[in-house]
Amino acid sequence: MKDIDWSRPADADVDPYPTWAEARRHTPVISRPSFGRPAFHVHRWADVEAALRDEDTFSSRINLEMMGPFMGEVILAKNGAEHTRYRNLVSPAFRPSAVARWERELIVPSIGALLDGIAPRGRADLVAEVTRRYPMRVIAGILGVPLADLDQFMRWAEAVNLGPVDPEKGHAASRAMREYLRPIVEDRRARPRDDLISDLVHAELEGERLDDAHIYGFLMLLLPAGAETTFRVMGNCLYALLTRPRDLARVRADRALLPEAIEETLRWETSVTMISRVATRDTQIAGVAIGAGAAVQLLNGSANRDEARFERPEEWDLDRADKRHLAFGWGRHVCLGMHLARLELRAGIGAILDRLPDLRLDPAAPVPSIRGIAFRGPDQLPVLYTPT
């Protein structure tokens, strides 16, 4: 089996899927010691799903070790009753009325403004000029960050997300983001508005409120996690459609197919391919002994292409009947922002199809590809279209 160098950066020019397919067939659980501790990679759907459901044995507390130094107290690192209390406090911020307001006031205007800038030209790089900027504009708007500071926030978010790889840069970005957000949080504490930060600051459940560590932890997680994951999967979906002109024409003609295209993309090329857990006790997966304290990487990207779960799993199939996937996790820790992400994807891709007639890949540009290991997406999508 060809080995993957897991120390390489997230944008490494590597396709992990052939290696993962071989692992599913022959060694579905592989020992890969990491950061001086025992660690195991889990490749098959049944094993990944079972581990995600069993939080008593496979704890998410490892995320506090990995991301806590850069984000603080995050929901990703909580389990059991503690997780339930925290989620119940923050989930009202994502209530349907709030999401509907974000669609009207932030999502539609954000994608519209970006397309206004490129529609008259007839050519663009959809990654550099649209997908990389669009979700960050939405998240920044939700948090009250001015557009003038958007580029700086994008750099901070990327540095925080890669903190375990480059701790010095990650810590510096974390401090800068926290100091930037502090006056906004204090303003909402004194003068609450109808926005997410006000909801977090004043959230109360049975007399309990979020302390500053949890407020800033949630905000620090929302910026890199909410924006980066969505921009990558949006690029993956556009890549799938642009490299399949017949399916692109079908989705353009029948927008009821757009959610189908998005769900198939989330299965076929999810933006985040692994979920970290730690074993709380001696256990086993697929007959492989895993000791207490061992790190466990649940490869949802591999599980989403499991031959035992899907027919022709390597293919992107708009007509696939069963598009269930693990892109947003599973069980108690299923992604809190998944409905917002789906809304952004539908609105963003739909607007691109509306505003850029005769959309196609630029034949004079290098052929794009989806790259990466832990985080996957195209670096560029050079396209042509009829100027409007």
Protein backbone atom coordinates (compact mmCIF):
# COMPACT_ATOMS: atom_id res chain seq x y z
CA MET A 1 0.00 0.00 0.00
CA LYS A 2 1.28 3.44 -0.91
CA ASP A 3 1.79 5.43 2.27
CA ILE A 4 0.63 9.03 2.75
CA ASP A 5 2.93 11.52 4.39
CA TRP A 6 0.52 12.93 6.97
CA SER A 7 2.99 15.63 7.94
CA ARG A 8 2.52 17.37 4.59
CA PRO A 9 0.40 20.54 4.55
CA ALA A 10 -3.34 20.50 4.02
CA ASP A 11 -3.00 21.63 0.40
CA ALA A 12 -0.47 18.92 -0.52
CA ASP A 13 -0.79 17.68 -4.09
CA VAL A 14 -1.94 14.23 -3.03
CA ASP A 15 -5.03 12.17 -3.82
CA PRO A 16 -5.60 9.99 -0.74
CA TYR A 17 -8.55 8.04 -2.13
CA PRO A 18 -6.63 5.20 -3.85
CA THR A 19 -4.71 4.56 -0.62
CA TRP A 20 -7.92 4.66 1.40
CA ALA A 21 -9.65 2.27 -1.02
CA GLU A 22 -6.83 -0.24 -0.61
CA ALA A 23 -7.04 0.13 3.16
CA ARG A 24 -10.78 -0.54 3.15
CA ARG A 25 -10.15 -3.79 1.26
CA HIS A 26 -7.20 -5.09 3.25
CA THR A 27 -6.42 -3.15 6.48
CA PRO A 28 -9.47 -1.07 7.49
CA VAL A 29 -7.85 0.03 10.77
CA ILE A 30 -4.19 1.11 10.52
CA SER A 31 -1.83 2.07 13.33
CA ARG A 32 -0.20 5.44 12.59
CA PRO A 33 1.49 6.87 15.71
CA SER A 34 1.19 10.64 15.78
CA PHE A 35 2.73 13.37 17.99
CA GLY A 36 4.36 10.71 20.16
CA ARG A 37 1.17 8.80 20.97
CA PRO A 38 -0.51 5.69 19.55
CA ALA A 39 -2.98 6.59 16.80
CA PHE A 40 -5.24 4.66 14.44
CA HIS A 41 -6.91 5.51 11.14
CA VAL A 42 -10.37 4.01 10.53
CA HIS A 43 -11.52 3.68 6.92
CA ARG A 44 -14.85 1.83 6.60
CA TRP A 45 -18.33 3.35 6.85
CA ALA A 46 -19.66 0.89 9.44
CA ASP A 47 -16.70 1.39 11.77
CA VAL A 48 -16.60 5.18 11.39
CA GLU A 49 -20.35 5.53 11.97
CA ALA A 50 -20.28 3.22 15.00
CA ALA A 51 -17.41 5.16 16.56
CA LEU A 52 -19.14 8.49 16.00
CA ARG A 53 -22.21 7.15 17.80
CA ASP A 54 -20.22 5.79 20.75
CA GLU A 55 -18.98 8.94 22.46
CA ASP A 56 -18.48 7.07 25.74
CA THR A 57 -15.66 5.08 24.14
CA PHE A 58 -14.48 7.57 21.51
CA SER A 59 -14.33 11.01 23.07
CA SER A 60 -14.04 14.31 21.24
CA ARG A 61 -11.89 15.74 24.07
CA ILE A 62 -8.86 15.29 21.86
CA ASN A 63 -10.01 18.40 19.99
CA LEU A 64 -9.26 20.43 23.12
CA GLU A 65 -5.64 19.27 22.87
CA MET A 66 -5.44 20.02 19.14
CA MET A 67 -7.52 23.17 18.72
CA GLY A 68 -8.04 24.39 22.28
CA PRO A 69 -4.70 26.26 22.39
CA PHE A 70 -5.82 28.29 19.38
CA MET A 71 -9.62 28.50 19.74
CA GLY A 72 -10.23 28.05 23.47
CA GLU A 73 -13.32 26.24 24.77
CA VAL A 74 -15.00 24.73 21.71
CA ILE A 75 -18.09 22.58 21.33
CA LEU A 76 -16.05 20.08 19.29
CA ALA A 77 -14.24 19.06 22.48
CA LYS A 78 -17.26 18.44 24.72
CA ASN A 79 -19.13 15.25 25.51
CA GLY A 80 -22.21 14.05 27.33
CA ALA A 81 -24.17 16.42 29.52
CA GLU A 82 -21.57 19.17 29.13
CA HIS A 83 -21.98 19.06 25.36
CA THR A 84 -25.77 19.06 25.66
CA ARG A 85 -25.77 22.16 27.91
CA TYR A 86 -23.39 24.05 25.63
CA ARG A 87 -25.25 23.09 22.46
CA ASN A 88 -28.60 24.05 23.99
CA LEU A 89 -27.18 27.46 24.85
CA VAL A 90 -25.72 28.22 21.41
CA SER A 91 -28.20 26.47 19.10
CA PRO A 92 -30.92 29.18 19.41
CA ALA A 93 -28.51 31.52 17.59
CA PHE A 94 -29.13 29.32 14.52
CA ARG A 95 -32.92 29.35 14.83
CA PRO A 96 -34.87 29.29 11.53
CA SER A 97 -35.86 32.96 11.77
CA ALA A 98 -32.19 33.98 12.15
CA VAL A 99 -31.10 31.83 9.21
CA ALA A 100 -33.91 33.27 7.07
CA ARG A 101 -32.77 36.79 7.97
CA TRP A 102 -29.16 35.91 7.10
CA GLU A 103 -30.31 34.63 3.73
CA ARG A 104 -32.12 37.87 2.97
CA GLU A 105 -29.63 40.33 4.48
CA LEU A 106 -26.25 38.60 4.05
CA ILE A 107 -26.19 35.48 1.88
CA VAL A 108 -27.99 36.74 -1.23
CA PRO A 109 -26.34 40.21 -1.15
CA SER A 110 -22.88 38.67 -0.57
CA ILE A 111 -22.93 36.34 -3.56
CA GLY A 112 -24.60 39.07 -5.63
CA ALA A 113 -21.86 41.58 -4.88
CA LEU A 114 -19.12 39.12 -5.82
CA LEU A 115 -20.83 38.21 -9.09
CA ASP A 116 -21.39 41.90 -9.89
CA GLY A 117 -17.62 42.23 -9.98
CA ILE A 118 -17.00 39.43 -12.49
CA ALA A 119 -20.18 39.11 -14.58
CA PRO A 120 -19.23 41.80 -17.16
CA ARG A 121 -15.78 40.29 -17.83
CA GLY A 122 -16.63 36.95 -19.40
CA ARG A 123 -13.86 35.13 -17.55
CA ALA A 124 -12.87 34.58 -13.91
CA ASP A 125 -11.30 32.22 -11.42
CA LEU A 126 -14.28 31.12 -9.36
CA VAL A 127 -12.13 30.01 -6.42
CA ALA A 128 -10.07 33.19 -6.01
CA GLU A 129 -12.89 35.59 -6.82
CA VAL A 130 -16.02 33.87 -5.51
CA THR A 131 -15.92 30.67 -3.47
CA ARG A 132 -12.99 31.63 -1.21
CA ARG A 133 -14.55 34.99 -0.36
CA TYR A 134 -18.28 34.26 -0.27
CA PRO A 135 -18.67 32.18 2.94
CA MET A 136 -16.23 34.43 4.80
CA ARG A 137 -18.30 37.47 3.83
CA VAL A 138 -21.36 35.73 5.26
CA ILE A 139 -19.70 34.68 8.53
CA ALA A 140 -18.06 38.10 8.92
CA GLY A 141 -21.45 39.74 8.36
CA ILE A 142 -23.06 37.50 10.96
CA LEU A 143 -20.37 38.57 13.44
CA GLY A 144 -20.50 42.26 12.52
CA VAL A 145 -17.02 42.41 10.96
CA PRO A 146 -16.74 45.24 8.37
CA LEU A 147 -15.96 44.19 4.80
CA ALA A 148 -12.86 46.37 4.90
CA ASP A 149 -11.34 43.91 7.40
CA LEU A 150 -12.37 40.77 5.49
CA ASP A 151 -8.97 39.98 3.96
CA GLN A 152 -7.28 40.20 7.36
CA PHE A 153 -9.91 37.93 8.87
CA MET A 154 -9.38 35.37 6.10
CA ARG A 155 -5.66 35.28 6.89
CA TRP A 156 -6.32 34.93 10.63
CA ALA A 157 -8.87 32.17 10.09
CA GLU A 158 -6.50 30.15 7.92
CA ALA A 159 -3.67 30.52 10.47
CA VAL A 160 -5.92 29.45 13.35
CA ASN A 161 -7.18 26.42 11.40
CA LEU A 162 -3.60 25.32 10.74
CA GLY A 163 -2.46 26.07 14.28
CA PRO A 164 -1.38 22.47 15.08
CA VAL A 165 0.91 22.56 12.01
CA ASP A 166 2.34 26.06 12.68
CA PRO A 167 1.73 26.84 16.39
CA GLU A 168 3.55 30.19 16.46
CA LYS A 169 1.50 31.58 13.59
CA GLY A 170 -1.68 30.02 14.98
CA HIS A 171 -1.24 31.58 18.43
CA ALA A 172 -0.53 35.01 16.96
CA ALA A 173 -3.65 34.86 14.77
CA SER A 174 -5.74 33.65 17.70
CA ARG A 175 -4.66 36.57 19.90
CA ALA A 176 -5.31 39.05 17.11
CA MET A 177 -8.79 37.69 16.39
CA ARG A 178 -9.74 37.70 20.06
CA GLU A 179 -8.60 41.31 20.53
CA TYR A 180 -10.47 42.35 17.41
CA LEU A 181 -13.69 40.65 18.55
CA ARG A 182 -13.50 41.90 22.16
CA PRO A 183 -15.03 45.38 21.59
CA ILE A 184 -17.77 43.86 19.43
CA VAL A 185 -18.66 41.36 22.17
CA GLU A 186 -18.63 44.08 24.85
CA ASP A 187 -20.81 46.34 22.71
CA ARG A 188 -23.41 43.57 22.29
CA ARG A 189 -23.26 42.88 26.01
CA ALA A 190 -24.18 46.51 26.74
CA ARG A 191 -26.40 47.13 23.72
CA PRO A 192 -27.84 43.82 22.42
CA ARG A 193 -29.04 43.64 18.84
CA ASP A 194 -30.83 41.05 16.76
CA ASP A 195 -27.64 39.22 15.82
CA LEU A 196 -25.61 36.11 16.65
CA ILE A 197 -23.14 37.66 19.09
CA SER A 198 -25.97 39.24 21.09
CA ASP A 199 -27.68 35.83 21.18
CA LEU A 200 -24.51 34.20 22.51
CA VAL A 201 -23.75 36.90 25.10
CA HIS A 202 -27.27 36.88 26.50
CA ALA A 203 -28.12 33.19 26.04
CA GLU A 204 -29.52 31.69 29.23
CA LEU A 205 -30.78 28.22 30.08
CA GLU A 206 -32.04 27.40 33.57
CA GLY A 207 -30.11 30.36 34.95
CA GLU A 208 -26.85 29.38 33.24
CA ARG A 209 -25.05 31.66 30.78
CA LEU A 210 -21.99 31.26 28.58
CA ASP A 211 -18.80 32.63 30.08
CA ASP A 212 -16.27 34.55 27.99
CA ALA A 213 -14.12 31.46 27.38
CA HIS A 214 -17.05 29.70 25.70
CA ILE A 215 -18.27 32.79 23.83
CA TYR A 216 -14.87 33.47 22.28
CA GLY A 217 -14.29 29.75 21.72
CA PHE A 218 -17.49 29.54 19.70
CA LEU A 219 -16.65 32.64 17.68
CA MET A 220 -13.10 31.43 17.04
CA LEU A 221 -14.46 28.12 15.79
CA LEU A 222 -17.18 29.67 13.66
CA LEU A 223 -14.82 31.77 11.57
CA PRO A 224 -12.40 29.13 10.25
CA ALA A 225 -14.74 26.14 10.46
CA GLY A 226 -17.85 27.82 9.07
CA ALA A 227 -16.11 29.58 6.21
CA GLU A 228 -13.32 27.26 5.09
CA THR A 229 -15.38 24.08 4.97
CA THR A 230 -18.16 25.72 2.95
CA PHE A 231 -15.85 27.41 0.44
CA ARG A 232 -14.04 24.14 -0.25
CA VAL A 233 -17.14 22.03 -0.79
CA MET A 234 -18.64 24.79 -2.96
CA GLY A 235 -15.55 24.58 -5.15
CA ASN A 236 -15.85 20.80 -5.22
CA CYS A 237 -19.46 20.99 -6.38
CA LEU A 238 -18.66 23.52 -9.09
CA TYR A 239 -15.74 21.34 -10.19
CA ALA A 240 -18.05 18.32 -10.44
CA LEU A 241 -20.55 20.25 -12.58
CA LEU A 242 -17.99 22.01 -14.77
CA THR A 243 -16.26 18.72 -15.59
CA ARG A 244 -19.65 17.16 -16.43
CA PRO A 245 -21.30 19.60 -18.87
CA ARG A 246 -24.39 17.44 -19.36
CA ASP A 247 -25.11 17.43 -15.65
CA LEU A 248 -24.37 21.15 -15.47
CA ALA A 249 -26.99 21.73 -18.18
CA ARG A 250 -29.48 19.55 -16.30
CA VAL A 251 -29.02 21.47 -13.04
CA ARG A 252 -29.23 24.80 -14.85
CA ALA A 253 -32.52 23.73 -16.45
CA ASP A 254 -34.00 22.14 -13.33
CA ARG A 255 -32.98 23.78 -10.07
CA ALA A 256 -34.69 21.01 -8.09
CA LEU A 257 -31.57 19.02 -8.96
CA LEU A 258 -29.24 21.48 -7.22
CA PRO A 259 -29.73 20.03 -3.71
CA GLU A 260 -29.07 16.60 -5.22
CA ALA A 261 -25.79 17.85 -6.72
CA ILE A 262 -24.77 19.34 -3.38
CA GLU A 263 -25.50 16.19 -1.37
CA GLU A 264 -23.66 13.99 -3.86
CA THR A 265 -20.68 16.33 -3.66
CA LEU A 266 -20.71 16.18 0.13
CA ARG A 267 -20.50 12.40 -0.19
CA TRP A 268 -18.00 12.27 -3.06
CA GLU A 269 -15.62 15.10 -2.07
CA THR A 270 -16.33 16.41 1.41
CA SER A 271 -14.13 19.34 2.36
CA VAL A 272 -12.94 17.83 5.68
CA THR A 273 -12.00 14.17 5.39
CA MET A 274 -11.28 13.14 8.99
CA ILE A 275 -12.76 13.50 12.46
CA SER A 276 -10.57 13.19 15.56
CA ARG A 277 -11.44 11.15 18.64
CA VAL A 278 -9.54 9.60 21.58
CA ALA A 279 -10.24 6.20 23.12
CA THR A 280 -11.39 6.51 26.74
CA ARG A 281 -10.80 2.82 27.47
CA ASP A 282 -9.28 -0.27 25.93
CA THR A 283 -11.41 -1.29 22.98
CA GLN A 284 -11.19 -2.60 19.44
CA ILE A 285 -12.36 -1.71 15.96
CA ALA A 286 -12.62 -4.38 13.26
CA GLY A 287 -10.61 -6.72 15.45
CA VAL A 288 -7.74 -4.27 15.99
CA ALA A 289 -6.93 -3.55 19.65
CA ILE A 290 -6.94 0.14 20.57
CA GLY A 291 -5.63 1.13 23.97
CA ALA A 292 -7.06 3.80 26.23
CA GLY A 293 -5.59 7.19 25.35
CA ALA A 294 -4.91 6.34 21.72
CA ALA A 295 -5.90 8.91 19.11
CA VAL A 296 -8.44 7.70 16.55
CA GLN A 297 -8.84 9.39 13.17
CA LEU A 298 -12.24 8.55 11.73
CA LEU A 299 -11.81 9.00 7.99
CA ASN A 300 -15.27 10.14 6.94
CA GLY A 301 -13.85 10.93 3.50
CA SER A 302 -12.94 7.27 3.07
CA ALA A 303 -16.21 6.06 4.61
CA ASN A 304 -18.19 8.16 2.12
CA ARG A 305 -16.63 6.07 -0.67
CA ASP A 306 -17.02 2.67 0.98
CA GLU A 307 -17.85 0.00 -1.62
CA ALA A 308 -19.86 -1.87 1.00
CA ARG A 309 -22.11 1.18 1.39
CA PHE A 310 -22.34 2.64 -2.14
CA GLU A 311 -22.32 1.35 -5.70
CA ARG A 312 -19.59 2.92 -7.84
CA PRO A 313 -18.51 5.12 -4.90
CA GLU A 314 -15.66 6.78 -6.81
CA GLU A 315 -18.11 8.27 -9.30
CA TRP A 316 -19.98 11.54 -8.87
CA ASP A 317 -23.55 10.56 -9.81
CA LEU A 318 -26.28 13.19 -9.88
CA ASP A 319 -28.90 10.42 -10.03
CA ARG A 320 -27.57 8.39 -7.11
CA ALA A 321 -30.55 7.25 -5.09
CA ASP A 322 -28.81 7.10 -1.70
CA LYS A 323 -26.68 10.17 -1.05
CA ARG A 324 -26.43 9.89 2.73
CA HIS A 325 -22.96 10.81 3.93
CA LEU A 326 -20.79 11.62 6.93
CA ALA A 327 -19.64 15.04 5.74
CA PHE A 328 -21.27 16.75 8.74
CA GLY A 329 -20.39 14.00 11.20
CA TRP A 330 -22.98 11.85 12.94
CA GLY A 331 -24.78 11.52 16.24
CA ARG A 332 -24.58 14.09 19.03
CA HIS A 333 -21.77 16.01 17.36
CA VAL A 334 -23.45 16.46 13.98
CA CYS A 335 -22.49 19.90 12.64
CA LEU A 336 -24.54 22.70 14.22
CA GLY A 337 -24.14 24.90 11.13
CA MET A 338 -25.03 22.32 8.48
CA HIS A 339 -28.34 23.98 7.56
CA LEU A 340 -26.60 27.33 7.11
CA ALA A 341 -23.91 25.64 4.99
CA ARG A 342 -26.49 23.97 2.75
CA LEU A 343 -28.33 27.26 2.35
CA GLU A 344 -25.12 29.07 1.39
CA LEU A 345 -24.29 26.36 -1.15
CA ARG A 346 -27.75 26.41 -2.75
CA ALA A 347 -27.89 30.20 -2.89
CA GLY A 348 -24.31 30.62 -4.07
CA ILE A 349 -24.25 27.98 -6.81
CA GLY A 350 -27.74 28.93 -7.93
CA ALA A 351 -26.69 32.57 -8.30
CA ILE A 352 -23.60 31.57 -10.29
CA LEU A 353 -25.77 29.61 -12.71
CA ASP A 354 -28.19 32.55 -12.99
CA ARG A 355 -25.60 35.27 -13.50
CA LEU A 356 -22.96 33.52 -15.67
CA PRO A 357 -24.61 32.20 -18.87
CA ASP A 358 -22.86 29.49 -20.88
CA LEU A 359 -20.54 28.77 -17.95
CA ARG A 360 -17.66 26.44 -18.84
CA LEU A 361 -14.05 25.70 -17.95
CA ASP A 362 -11.49 27.89 -19.71
CA PRO A 363 -9.80 25.54 -22.23
CA ALA A 364 -6.69 27.76 -22.35
CA ALA A 365 -6.08 27.46 -18.59
CA PRO A 366 -4.53 24.52 -16.71
CA VAL A 367 -7.03 21.77 -16.00
CA PRO A 368 -8.21 22.22 -12.38
CA SER A 369 -8.10 19.45 -9.82
CA ILE A 370 -9.25 18.80 -6.27
CA ARG A 371 -6.26 18.60 -3.95
CA GLY A 372 -5.40 18.03 -0.31
CA ILE A 373 -5.53 15.39 2.40
CA ALA A 374 -7.35 16.58 5.53
CA PHE A 375 -8.92 19.53 3.70
CA ARG A 376 -9.84 19.09 0.05
CA GLY A 377 -10.84 21.49 -2.69
CA PRO A 378 -9.68 22.99 -6.00
CA ASP A 379 -7.05 25.73 -5.90
CA GLN A 380 -8.55 27.37 -8.96
CA LEU A 381 -11.53 27.11 -11.31
CA PRO A 382 -10.78 29.25 -14.39
CA VAL A 383 -14.00 29.70 -16.37
CA LEU A 384 -15.48 31.47 -19.38
CA TYR A 385 -19.07 32.66 -19.78
CA THR A 386 -21.15 35.16 -21.68
CA PRO A 387 -20.58 38.63 -20.21
CA THR A 388 -23.64 40.24 -18.63
